Amino acid sequence: MLINQLNAAHCPAKVYYGFAPFANFRSPKTADVARKIGIDRLVLETDYENYLDVRQQLELNVLFLAKALDMDPLEVMKTTRMNAMHLYGTQTNQR
């Protein structure tokens, strides 16, 4: 699968993936792809530029991933936050 090839090509760096609700949630394959990637490589994403719409889109993203991964939404938020902090180099020792 393409995900395995991308992960292997970027070793040892960690590759992260995000799904924008507006663009990605229309496809029935998105949940399967999210499960294949796993929560440790996911970040929240939105394609909205208007900050008034961003929060709602991120909440939809959390709920979608929680359902797809059979996780608590709070755990999805916590893990994707830590992933984003690692991605952008702002990681703390909290987990």
Protein backbone atom coordinates (compact mmCIF):
# COMPACT_ATOMS: atom_id res chain seq x y z
CA MET A 1 0.00 0.00 0.00
CA LEU A 2 1.17 3.55 -0.71
CA ILE A 3 1.19 4.46 3.00
CA ASN A 4 3.75 1.74 3.74
CA GLN A 5 5.95 2.98 0.89
CA LEU A 6 5.78 6.60 2.10
CA ASN A 7 6.61 5.61 5.67
CA ALA A 8 9.55 3.48 4.54
CA ALA A 9 10.91 6.22 2.27
CA HIS A 10 11.00 8.77 5.09
CA CYS A 11 12.64 6.62 7.76
CA PRO A 12 13.91 7.43 10.29
CA ALA A 13 11.87 10.66 10.22
CA LYS A 14 8.26 10.26 11.21
CA VAL A 15 5.66 11.04 8.56
CA TYR A 16 2.31 12.52 9.61
CA TYR A 17 -1.00 12.56 7.75
CA GLY A 18 -4.04 14.78 8.06
CA PHE A 19 -7.53 14.59 6.65
CA ALA A 20 -9.55 17.72 5.95
CA PRO A 21 -13.25 17.05 6.52
CA PHE A 22 -14.35 19.11 3.53
CA ALA A 23 -12.12 17.24 1.08
CA ASN A 24 -11.57 13.77 2.53
CA PHE A 25 -14.67 12.72 4.40
CA ARG A 26 -16.69 12.26 1.21
CA SER A 27 -14.71 9.14 0.33
CA PRO A 28 -15.77 5.85 1.93
CA LYS A 29 -12.08 4.82 1.92
CA THR A 30 -10.95 7.56 4.32
CA ALA A 31 -11.82 5.65 7.52
CA ASP A 32 -9.93 2.58 6.28
CA VAL A 33 -6.91 4.71 5.39
CA ALA A 34 -6.99 6.36 8.84
CA ARG A 35 -7.05 2.92 10.49
CA LYS A 36 -4.10 1.78 8.35
CA ILE A 37 -2.09 4.89 9.27
CA GLY A 38 -2.91 4.70 12.99
CA ILE A 39 -3.35 7.49 15.52
CA ASP A 40 0.40 7.89 16.14
CA ARG A 41 0.86 9.32 12.64
CA LEU A 42 -2.24 11.52 12.40
CA VAL A 43 -2.71 15.26 12.90
CA LEU A 44 -5.87 17.32 12.66
CA GLU A 45 -6.32 19.39 9.55
CA THR A 46 -8.80 21.78 8.00
CA ASP A 47 -8.78 23.48 4.62
CA TYR A 48 -10.78 26.46 5.85
CA GLU A 49 -9.14 29.87 5.85
CA ASN A 50 -11.86 31.62 7.86
CA TYR A 51 -10.98 31.14 11.52
CA LEU A 52 -14.69 31.11 12.41
CA ASP A 53 -15.11 27.82 10.54
CA VAL A 54 -11.91 26.12 11.67
CA ARG A 55 -13.07 25.02 15.13
CA GLN A 56 -16.18 23.30 13.78
CA GLN A 57 -14.12 21.51 11.12
CA LEU A 58 -11.56 20.35 13.69
CA GLU A 59 -14.35 19.04 15.91
CA LEU A 60 -15.78 17.11 12.95
CA ASN A 61 -12.30 15.74 12.29
CA VAL A 62 -11.95 14.55 15.90
CA LEU A 63 -15.36 12.84 15.84
CA PHE A 64 -14.64 11.18 12.50
CA LEU A 65 -11.28 9.83 13.65
CA ALA A 66 -12.67 8.71 17.01
CA LYS A 67 -15.34 6.68 15.26
CA ALA A 68 -12.99 5.29 12.61
CA LEU A 69 -10.36 4.30 15.18
CA ASP A 70 -12.82 3.27 17.93
CA MET A 71 -11.28 5.80 20.32
CA ASP A 72 -12.49 8.36 22.82
CA PRO A 73 -12.59 11.83 21.19
CA LEU A 74 -10.52 13.29 24.04
CA GLU A 75 -7.79 10.73 23.39
CA VAL A 76 -7.84 11.61 19.68
CA MET A 77 -7.38 15.30 20.59
CA LYS A 78 -4.57 14.55 23.03
CA THR A 79 -2.67 12.27 20.67
CA THR A 80 -3.04 14.42 17.57
CA ARG A 81 -1.93 17.46 19.60
CA MET A 82 1.23 15.65 20.68
CA ASN A 83 1.80 14.53 17.08
CA ALA A 84 1.49 18.13 15.86
CA MET A 85 3.88 19.33 18.57
CA HIS A 86 6.41 16.71 17.46
CA LEU A 87 5.88 17.61 13.80
CA TYR A 88 6.52 21.31 14.42
CA GLY A 89 9.31 20.80 16.95
CA THR A 90 7.40 22.21 19.91
CA GLN A 91 7.21 18.93 21.79
CA THR A 92 7.20 19.03 25.58
CA ASN A 93 7.73 16.21 28.05
CA GLN A 94 3.97 16.02 28.76
CA ARG A 95 1.97 13.09 27.49
